[in-house]
Amino acid sequence: MKGFSGRRSARIMIAKILVKHQFRFIDIAGQAKSRRWSDCRFEIYYRLRRELGMSLMQIGKMLNKDHTSVLHGYRIMEKRIAAGYVLEPFE
């Protein structure tokens, strides 16, 4: 996937989330603020941080985002999960 750098496991996780949401990398790496796109981005931020232990800077660099944007999306996902939203595990 063009534009990806970093750990292989992170790239695989991002690819799985993109398939789940039916997006391409270019769709979520852009500046679009659609709810569907932001939901996908926030899931990526959350999973990379929580499941792979990546830093906000590392995640931001992979997705062409500022670390504060990553933190904002991560916190939104934390609130959603606390309210009962369930992230489906990967196979």
PDB file of N, CA and C in Angstrom:
ATOM      1  N   MET A   1       0.838  -1.176   0.000  1.00  0.00           N
ATOM      2  CA  MET A   1       0.000   0.000   0.000  1.00  0.00           C
ATOM      3  C   MET A   1       0.878   1.232   0.000  1.00  0.00           C
ATOM      4  N   LYS A   2       0.751   2.012  -1.014  1.00  0.00           N
ATOM      5  CA  LYS A   2       1.577   3.196  -1.143  1.00  0.00           C
ATOM      6  C   LYS A   2       1.262   4.194  -0.027  1.00  0.00           C
ATOM      7  N   GLY A   3       2.300   4.801   0.549  1.00  0.00           N
ATOM      8  CA  GLY A   3       2.114   5.787   1.597  1.00  0.00           C
ATOM      9  C   GLY A   3       2.245   5.219   2.990  1.00  0.00           C
ATOM     10  N   PHE A   4       2.320   3.915   3.112  1.00  0.00           N
ATOM     11  CA  PHE A   4       2.453   3.296   4.419  1.00  0.00           C
ATOM     12  C   PHE A   4       3.914   3.179   4.802  1.00  0.00           C
ATOM     13  N   SER A   5       4.202   3.428   6.057  1.00  0.00           N
ATOM     14  CA  SER A   5       5.520   3.167   6.602  1.00  0.00           C
ATOM     15  C   SER A   5       5.307   2.695   8.020  1.00  0.00           C
ATOM     16  N   GLY A   6       6.320   2.113   8.597  1.00  0.00           N
ATOM     17  CA  GLY A   6       6.180   1.667   9.979  1.00  0.00           C
ATOM     18  C   GLY A   6       6.075   0.159  10.079  1.00  0.00           C
ATOM     19  N   ARG A   7       5.615  -0.271  11.220  1.00  0.00           N
ATOM     20  CA  ARG A   7       5.561  -1.694  11.511  1.00  0.00           C
ATOM     21  C   ARG A   7       4.577  -2.454  10.624  1.00  0.00           C
ATOM     22  N   ARG A   8       4.975  -3.660  10.290  1.00  0.00           N
ATOM     23  CA  ARG A   8       4.140  -4.518   9.456  1.00  0.00           C
ATOM     24  C   ARG A   8       2.811  -4.811  10.126  1.00  0.00           C
ATOM     25  N   SER A   9       2.818  -5.083  11.428  1.00  0.00           N
ATOM     26  CA  SER A   9       1.575  -5.398  12.134  1.00  0.00           C
ATOM     27  C   SER A   9       0.613  -4.212  12.112  1.00  0.00           C
ATOM     28  N   ALA A  10       1.143  -2.996  12.167  1.00  0.00           N
ATOM     29  CA  ALA A  10       0.295  -1.805  12.096  1.00  0.00           C
ATOM     30  C   ALA A  10      -0.337  -1.694  10.707  1.00  0.00           C
ATOM     31  N   ARG A  11       0.434  -1.956   9.681  1.00  0.00           N
ATOM     32  CA  ARG A  11      -0.094  -1.886   8.318  1.00  0.00           C
ATOM     33  C   ARG A  11      -1.188  -2.925   8.110  1.00  0.00           C
ATOM     34  N   ILE A  12      -0.986  -4.115   8.663  1.00  0.00           N
ATOM     35  CA  ILE A  12      -1.989  -5.174   8.536  1.00  0.00           C
ATOM     36  C   ILE A  12      -3.271  -4.778   9.256  1.00  0.00           C
ATOM     37  N   MET A  13      -3.135  -4.221  10.471  1.00  0.00           N
ATOM     38  CA  MET A  13      -4.311  -3.809  11.228  1.00  0.00           C
ATOM     39  C   MET A  13      -5.067  -2.704  10.495  1.00  0.00           C
ATOM     40  N   ILE A  14      -4.349  -1.733   9.974  1.00  0.00           N
ATOM     41  CA  ILE A  14      -4.995  -0.647   9.224  1.00  0.00           C
ATOM     42  C   ILE A  14      -5.728  -1.219   8.016  1.00  0.00           C
ATOM     43  N   ALA A  15      -5.102  -2.130   7.304  1.00  0.00           N
ATOM     44  CA  ALA A  15      -5.731  -2.728   6.122  1.00  0.00           C
ATOM     45  C   ALA A  15      -7.023  -3.445   6.499  1.00  0.00           C
ATOM     46  N   LYS A  16      -7.037  -4.166   7.620  1.00  0.00           N
ATOM     47  CA  LYS A  16      -8.245  -4.873   8.057  1.00  0.00           C
ATOM     48  C   LYS A  16      -9.364  -3.898   8.400  1.00  0.00           C
ATOM     49  N   ILE A  17      -9.015  -2.801   9.061  1.00  0.00           N
ATOM     50  CA  ILE A  17     -10.025  -1.805   9.421  1.00  0.00           C
ATOM     51  C   ILE A  17     -10.567  -1.127   8.160  1.00  0.00           C
ATOM     52  N   LEU A  18      -9.685  -0.852   7.206  1.00  0.00           N
ATOM     53  CA  LEU A  18     -10.133  -0.244   5.946  1.00  0.00           C
ATOM     54  C   LEU A  18     -11.093  -1.163   5.193  1.00  0.00           C
ATOM     55  N   VAL A  19     -10.798  -2.447   5.176  1.00  0.00           N
ATOM     56  CA  VAL A  19     -11.692  -3.407   4.522  1.00  0.00           C
ATOM     57  C   VAL A  19     -13.037  -3.438   5.245  1.00  0.00           C
ATOM     58  N   LYS A  20     -13.007  -3.466   6.558  1.00  0.00           N
ATOM     59  CA  LYS A  20     -14.239  -3.482   7.360  1.00  0.00           C
ATOM     60  C   LYS A  20     -15.125  -2.275   7.037  1.00  0.00           C
ATOM     61  N   HIS A  21     -14.512  -1.102   6.914  1.00  0.00           N
ATOM     62  CA  HIS A  21     -15.268   0.125   6.648  1.00  0.00           C
ATOM     63  C   HIS A  21     -15.429   0.416   5.151  1.00  0.00           C
ATOM     64  N   GLN A  22     -14.831  -0.419   4.308  1.00  0.00           N
ATOM     65  CA  GLN A  22     -14.890  -0.290   2.852  1.00  0.00           C
ATOM     66  C   GLN A  22     -14.298   1.033   2.361  1.00  0.00           C
ATOM     67  N   PHE A  23     -13.091   1.325   2.840  1.00  0.00           N
ATOM     68  CA  PHE A  23     -12.363   2.515   2.424  1.00  0.00           C
ATOM     69  C   PHE A  23     -11.003   2.139   1.879  1.00  0.00           C
ATOM     70  N   ARG A  24     -10.396   3.106   1.218  1.00  0.00           N
ATOM     71  CA  ARG A  24      -9.008   2.993   0.787  1.00  0.00           C
ATOM     72  C   ARG A  24      -8.180   3.883   1.703  1.00  0.00           C
ATOM     73  N   PHE A  25      -6.876   3.659   1.721  1.00  0.00           N
ATOM     74  CA  PHE A  25      -5.991   4.459   2.571  1.00  0.00           C
ATOM     75  C   PHE A  25      -6.131   5.939   2.264  1.00  0.00           C
ATOM     76  N   ILE A  26      -6.201   6.269   0.995  1.00  0.00           N
ATOM     77  CA  ILE A  26      -6.281   7.678   0.595  1.00  0.00           C
ATOM     78  C   ILE A  26      -7.541   8.348   1.153  1.00  0.00           C
ATOM     79  N   ASP A  27      -8.610   7.574   1.352  1.00  0.00           N
ATOM     80  CA  ASP A  27      -9.856   8.125   1.891  1.00  0.00           C
ATOM     81  C   ASP A  27      -9.684   8.633   3.325  1.00  0.00           C
ATOM     82  N   ILE A  28      -8.968   7.890   4.153  1.00  0.00           N
ATOM     83  CA  ILE A  28      -8.857   8.262   5.561  1.00  0.00           C
ATOM     84  C   ILE A  28      -7.627   9.109   5.861  1.00  0.00           C
ATOM     85  N   ALA A  29      -6.681   9.154   4.957  1.00  0.00           N
ATOM     86  CA  ALA A  29      -5.483   9.969   5.178  1.00  0.00           C
ATOM     87  C   ALA A  29      -5.705  11.416   4.764  1.00  0.00           C
ATOM     88  N   GLY A  30      -6.819  11.686   4.122  1.00  0.00           N
ATOM     89  CA  GLY A  30      -7.124  13.040   3.674  1.00  0.00           C
ATOM     90  C   GLY A  30      -7.733  13.893   4.774  1.00  0.00           C
ATOM     91  N   GLN A  31      -8.288  15.013   4.386  1.00  0.00           N
ATOM     92  CA  GLN A  31      -8.833  15.968   5.344  1.00  0.00           C
ATOM     93  C   GLN A  31     -10.349  15.888   5.492  1.00  0.00           C
ATOM     94  N   ALA A  32     -10.995  14.963   4.803  1.00  0.00           N
ATOM     95  CA  ALA A  32     -12.459  14.865   4.854  1.00  0.00           C
ATOM     96  C   ALA A  32     -12.943  14.640   6.279  1.00  0.00           C
ATOM     97  N   LYS A  33     -14.059  15.264   6.623  1.00  0.00           N
ATOM     98  CA  LYS A  33     -14.568  15.197   7.982  1.00  0.00           C
ATOM     99  C   LYS A  33     -15.899  14.443   8.086  1.00  0.00           C
ATOM    100  N   SER A  34     -16.238  13.694   7.064  1.00  0.00           N
ATOM    101  CA  SER A  34     -17.460  12.905   7.092  1.00  0.00           C
ATOM    102  C   SER A  34     -17.459  11.969   8.300  1.00  0.00           C
ATOM    103  N   ARG A  35     -18.613  11.746   8.879  1.00  0.00           N
ATOM    104  CA  ARG A  35     -18.732  10.881  10.055  1.00  0.00           C
ATOM    105  C   ARG A  35     -18.226   9.469   9.767  1.00  0.00           C
ATOM    106  N   ARG A  36     -18.539   8.949   8.573  1.00  0.00           N
ATOM    107  CA  ARG A  36     -18.064   7.605   8.215  1.00  0.00           C
ATOM    108  C   ARG A  36     -16.547   7.544   8.198  1.00  0.00           C
ATOM    109  N   TRP A  37     -15.911   8.554   7.618  1.00  0.00           N
ATOM    110  CA  TRP A  37     -14.453   8.571   7.546  1.00  0.00           C
ATOM    111  C   TRP A  37     -13.833   8.765   8.925  1.00  0.00           C
ATOM    112  N   SER A  38     -14.414   9.662   9.706  1.00  0.00           N
ATOM    113  CA  SER A  38     -13.842   9.899  11.030  1.00  0.00           C
ATOM    114  C   SER A  38     -14.026   8.671  11.925  1.00  0.00           C
ATOM    115  N   ASP A  39     -15.137   7.951  11.804  1.00  0.00           N
ATOM    116  CA  ASP A  39     -15.320   6.719  12.577  1.00  0.00           C
ATOM    117  C   ASP A  39     -14.218   5.712  12.260  1.00  0.00           C
ATOM    118  N   CYS A  40     -13.896   5.584  10.997  1.00  0.00           N
ATOM    119  CA  CYS A  40     -12.832   4.672  10.575  1.00  0.00           C
ATOM    120  C   CYS A  40     -11.483   5.136  11.142  1.00  0.00           C
ATOM    121  N   ARG A  41     -11.197   6.422  11.000  1.00  0.00           N
ATOM    122  CA  ARG A  41      -9.943   6.971  11.531  1.00  0.00           C
ATOM    123  C   ARG A  41      -9.831   6.739  13.034  1.00  0.00           C
ATOM    124  N   PHE A  42     -10.916   7.024  13.759  1.00  0.00           N
ATOM    125  CA  PHE A  42     -10.883   6.896  15.215  1.00  0.00           C
ATOM    126  C   PHE A  42     -10.652   5.452  15.637  1.00  0.00           C
ATOM    127  N   GLU A  43     -11.248   4.509  14.912  1.00  0.00           N
ATOM    128  CA  GLU A  43     -11.000   3.098  15.225  1.00  0.00           C
ATOM    129  C   GLU A  43      -9.538   2.753  14.989  1.00  0.00           C
ATOM    130  N   ILE A  44      -8.966   3.250  13.914  1.00  0.00           N
ATOM    131  CA  ILE A  44      -7.549   3.006  13.642  1.00  0.00           C
ATOM    132  C   ILE A  44      -6.690   3.581  14.759  1.00  0.00           C
ATOM    133  N   TYR A  45      -6.950   4.833  15.137  1.00  0.00           N
ATOM    134  CA  TYR A  45      -6.175   5.458  16.209  1.00  0.00           C
ATOM    135  C   TYR A  45      -6.251   4.621  17.486  1.00  0.00           C
ATOM    136  N   TYR A  46      -7.473   4.242  17.839  1.00  0.00           N
ATOM    137  CA  TYR A  46      -7.695   3.514  19.091  1.00  0.00           C
ATOM    138  C   TYR A  46      -6.980   2.166  19.088  1.00  0.00           C
ATOM    139  N   ARG A  47      -7.177   1.407  18.019  1.00  0.00           N
ATOM    140  CA  ARG A  47      -6.585   0.064  17.972  1.00  0.00           C
ATOM    141  C   ARG A  47      -5.058   0.099  17.915  1.00  0.00           C
ATOM    142  N   LEU A  48      -4.505   1.021  17.137  1.00  0.00           N
ATOM    143  CA  LEU A  48      -3.043   1.094  17.060  1.00  0.00           C
ATOM    144  C   LEU A  48      -2.451   1.469  18.413  1.00  0.00           C
ATOM    145  N   ARG A  49      -3.105   2.372  19.102  1.00  0.00           N
ATOM    146  CA  ARG A  49      -2.600   2.813  20.413  1.00  0.00           C
ATOM    147  C   ARG A  49      -2.815   1.731  21.467  1.00  0.00           C
ATOM    148  N   ARG A  50      -4.030   1.202  21.551  1.00  0.00           N
ATOM    149  CA  ARG A  50      -4.390   0.258  22.607  1.00  0.00           C
ATOM    150  C   ARG A  50      -3.814  -1.143  22.364  1.00  0.00           C
ATOM    151  N   GLU A  51      -3.940  -1.632  21.140  1.00  0.00           N
ATOM    152  CA  GLU A  51      -3.564  -3.019  20.864  1.00  0.00           C
ATOM    153  C   GLU A  51      -2.100  -3.189  20.479  1.00  0.00           C
ATOM    154  N   LEU A  52      -1.497  -2.166  19.862  1.00  0.00           N
ATOM    155  CA  LEU A  52      -0.096  -2.280  19.452  1.00  0.00           C
ATOM    156  C   LEU A  52       0.834  -1.384  20.267  1.00  0.00           C
ATOM    157  N   GLY A  53       0.271  -0.525  21.096  1.00  0.00           N
ATOM    158  CA  GLY A  53       1.083   0.331  21.954  1.00  0.00           C
ATOM    159  C   GLY A  53       1.862   1.413  21.226  1.00  0.00           C
ATOM    160  N   MET A  54       1.377   1.815  20.070  1.00  0.00           N
ATOM    161  CA  MET A  54       2.077   2.842  19.308  1.00  0.00           C
ATOM    162  C   MET A  54       1.856   4.213  19.935  1.00  0.00           C
ATOM    163  N   SER A  55       2.821   5.092  19.768  1.00  0.00           N
ATOM    164  CA  SER A  55       2.692   6.450  20.288  1.00  0.00           C
ATOM    165  C   SER A  55       1.790   7.277  19.378  1.00  0.00           C
ATOM    166  N   LEU A  56       1.299   8.383  19.914  1.00  0.00           N
ATOM    167  CA  LEU A  56       0.461   9.280  19.125  1.00  0.00           C
ATOM    168  C   LEU A  56       1.231   9.815  17.927  1.00  0.00           C
ATOM    169  N   MET A  57       2.504  10.107  18.130  1.00  0.00           N
ATOM    170  CA  MET A  57       3.351  10.610  17.039  1.00  0.00           C
ATOM    171  C   MET A  57       3.512   9.563  15.938  1.00  0.00           C
ATOM    172  N   GLN A  58       3.736   8.298  16.313  1.00  0.00           N
ATOM    173  CA  GLN A  58       3.896   7.234  15.324  1.00  0.00           C
ATOM    174  C   GLN A  58       2.622   7.059  14.497  1.00  0.00           C
ATOM    175  N   ILE A  59       1.496   7.062  15.184  1.00  0.00           N
ATOM    176  CA  ILE A  59       0.218   6.899  14.491  1.00  0.00           C
ATOM    177  C   ILE A  59      -0.018   8.075  13.550  1.00  0.00           C
ATOM    178  N   GLY A  60       0.211   9.272  14.051  1.00  0.00           N
ATOM    179  CA  GLY A  60       0.023  10.462  13.232  1.00  0.00           C
ATOM    180  C   GLY A  60       0.894  10.458  11.994  1.00  0.00           C
ATOM    181  N   LYS A  61       2.122  10.023  12.168  1.00  0.00           N
ATOM    182  CA  LYS A  61       3.054   9.980  11.030  1.00  0.00           C
ATOM    183  C   LYS A  61       2.569   8.994   9.963  1.00  0.00           C
ATOM    184  N   MET A  62       2.056   7.850  10.396  1.00  0.00           N
ATOM    185  CA  MET A  62       1.567   6.847   9.444  1.00  0.00           C
ATOM    186  C   MET A  62       0.371   7.344   8.651  1.00  0.00           C
ATOM    187  N   LEU A  63      -0.464   8.176   9.288  1.00  0.00           N
ATOM    188  CA  LEU A  63      -1.725   8.584   8.669  1.00  0.00           C
ATOM    189  C   LEU A  63      -1.745  10.048   8.246  1.00  0.00           C
ATOM    190  N   ASN A  64      -0.591  10.684   8.268  1.00  0.00           N
ATOM    191  CA  ASN A  64      -0.479  12.078   7.854  1.00  0.00           C
ATOM    192  C   ASN A  64      -1.376  12.991   8.699  1.00  0.00           C
ATOM    193  N   LYS A  65      -1.373  12.753  10.023  1.00  0.00           N
ATOM    194  CA  LYS A  65      -2.175  13.528  10.963  1.00  0.00           C
ATOM    195  C   LYS A  65      -1.280  14.042  12.088  1.00  0.00           C
ATOM    196  N   ASP A  66      -1.700  15.127  12.709  1.00  0.00           N
ATOM    197  CA  ASP A  66      -1.015  15.663  13.871  1.00  0.00           C
ATOM    198  C   ASP A  66      -1.320  14.772  15.084  1.00  0.00           C
ATOM    199  N   HIS A  67      -0.372  14.685  16.017  1.00  0.00           N
ATOM    200  CA  HIS A  67      -0.591  13.824  17.171  1.00  0.00           C
ATOM    201  C   HIS A  67      -1.788  14.277  18.017  1.00  0.00           C
ATOM    202  N   THR A  68      -2.106  15.572  17.989  1.00  0.00           N
ATOM    203  CA  THR A  68      -3.268  16.039  18.751  1.00  0.00           C
ATOM    204  C   THR A  68      -4.577  15.581  18.109  1.00  0.00           C
ATOM    205  N   SER A  69      -4.584  15.453  16.802  1.00  0.00           N
ATOM    206  CA  SER A  69      -5.769  14.911  16.113  1.00  0.00           C
ATOM    207  C   SER A  69      -5.959  13.446  16.477  1.00  0.00           C
ATOM    208  N   VAL A  70      -4.851  12.717  16.552  1.00  0.00           N
ATOM    209  CA  VAL A  70      -4.902  11.308  16.945  1.00  0.00           C
ATOM    210  C   VAL A  70      -5.425  11.198  18.370  1.00  0.00           C
ATOM    211  N   LEU A  71      -4.922  12.025  19.267  1.00  0.00           N
ATOM    212  CA  LEU A  71      -5.365  12.003  20.661  1.00  0.00           C
ATOM    213  C   LEU A  71      -6.863  12.303  20.760  1.00  0.00           C
ATOM    214  N   HIS A  72      -7.330  13.275  20.016  1.00  0.00           N
ATOM    215  CA  HIS A  72      -8.758  13.632  20.019  1.00  0.00           C
ATOM    216  C   HIS A  72      -9.610  12.433  19.597  1.00  0.00           C
ATOM    217  N   GLY A  73      -9.240  11.788  18.483  1.00  0.00           N
ATOM    218  CA  GLY A  73      -9.987  10.630  18.002  1.00  0.00           C
ATOM    219  C   GLY A  73      -9.922   9.457  18.964  1.00  0.00           C
ATOM    220  N   TYR A  74      -8.769   9.253  19.567  1.00  0.00           N
ATOM    221  CA  TYR A  74      -8.591   8.170  20.546  1.00  0.00           C
ATOM    222  C   TYR A  74      -9.524   8.381  21.739  1.00  0.00           C
ATOM    223  N   ARG A  75      -9.586   9.605  22.224  1.00  0.00           N
ATOM    224  CA  ARG A  75     -10.447   9.910  23.380  1.00  0.00           C
ATOM    225  C   ARG A  75     -11.929   9.751  23.038  1.00  0.00           C
ATOM    226  N   ILE A  76     -12.309  10.103  21.827  1.00  0.00           N
ATOM    227  CA  ILE A  76     -13.700   9.912  21.412  1.00  0.00           C
ATOM    228  C   ILE A  76     -14.041   8.422  21.415  1.00  0.00           C
ATOM    229  N   MET A  77     -13.135   7.587  20.896  1.00  0.00           N
ATOM    230  CA  MET A  77     -13.379   6.137  20.899  1.00  0.00           C
ATOM    231  C   MET A  77     -13.453   5.603  22.326  1.00  0.00           C
ATOM    232  N   GLU A  78     -12.620   6.094  23.217  1.00  0.00           N
ATOM    233  CA  GLU A  78     -12.689   5.668  24.621  1.00  0.00           C
ATOM    234  C   GLU A  78     -14.071   5.961  25.201  1.00  0.00           C
ATOM    235  N   LYS A  79     -14.601   7.152  24.924  1.00  0.00           N
ATOM    236  CA  LYS A  79     -15.926   7.525  25.427  1.00  0.00           C
ATOM    237  C   LYS A  79     -17.017   6.636  24.831  1.00  0.00           C
ATOM    238  N   ARG A  80     -16.910   6.344  23.548  1.00  0.00           N
ATOM    239  CA  ARG A  80     -17.910   5.488  22.895  1.00  0.00           C
ATOM    240  C   ARG A  80     -17.894   4.087  23.502  1.00  0.00           C
ATOM    241  N   ILE A  81     -16.707   3.560  23.712  1.00  0.00           N
ATOM    242  CA  ILE A  81     -16.575   2.215  24.273  1.00  0.00           C
ATOM    243  C   ILE A  81     -17.101   2.187  25.702  1.00  0.00           C
ATOM    244  N   ALA A  82     -16.804   3.224  26.479  1.00  0.00           N
ATOM    245  CA  ALA A  82     -17.324   3.319  27.845  1.00  0.00           C
ATOM    246  C   ALA A  82     -18.848   3.382  27.861  1.00  0.00           C
ATOM    247  N   ALA A  83     -19.429   3.924  26.795  1.00  0.00           N
ATOM    248  CA  ALA A  83     -20.886   4.041  26.691  1.00  0.00           C
ATOM    249  C   ALA A  83     -21.536   2.785  26.116  1.00  0.00           C
ATOM    250  N   GLY A  84     -20.724   1.775  25.763  1.00  0.00           N
ATOM    251  CA  GLY A  84     -21.294   0.517  25.305  1.00  0.00           C
ATOM    252  C   GLY A  84     -20.977   0.116  23.881  1.00  0.00           C
ATOM    253  N   TYR A  85     -20.292   0.954  23.139  1.00  0.00           N
ATOM    254  CA  TYR A  85     -19.905   0.603  21.762  1.00  0.00           C
ATOM    255  C   TYR A  85     -18.926  -0.563  21.815  1.00  0.00           C
ATOM    256  N   VAL A  86     -19.114  -1.539  20.936  1.00  0.00           N
ATOM    257  CA  VAL A  86     -18.268  -2.737  20.935  1.00  0.00           C
ATOM    258  C   VAL A  86     -17.468  -2.797  19.647  1.00  0.00           C
ATOM    259  N   LEU A  87     -16.151  -2.895  19.780  1.00  0.00           N
ATOM    260  CA  LEU A  87     -15.289  -3.110  18.630  1.00  0.00           C
ATOM    261  C   LEU A  87     -15.188  -4.614  18.396  1.00  0.00           C
ATOM    262  N   GLU A  88     -15.540  -5.035  17.205  1.00  0.00           N
ATOM    263  CA  GLU A  88     -15.470  -6.450  16.875  1.00  0.00           C
ATOM    264  C   GLU A  88     -14.015  -6.891  16.787  1.00  0.00           C
ATOM    265  N   PRO A  89     -13.672  -8.027  17.395  1.00  0.00           N
ATOM    266  CA  PRO A  89     -12.287  -8.523  17.285  1.00  0.00           C
ATOM    267  C   PRO A  89     -12.001  -9.004  15.868  1.00  0.00           C
ATOM    268  N   PHE A  90     -10.727  -8.950  15.500  1.00  0.00           N
ATOM    269  CA  PHE A  90     -10.309  -9.463  14.207  1.00  0.00           C
ATOM    270  C   PHE A  90     -10.105 -10.960  14.293  1.00  0.00           C
ATOM    271  N   GLU A  91     -10.245 -11.626  13.164  1.00  0.00           N
ATOM    272  CA  GLU A  91     -10.051 -13.075  13.094  1.00  0.00           C
ATOM    273  C   GLU A  91      -8.589 -13.412  13.187  1.00  0.00           C
TER     274      GLU A  91
END
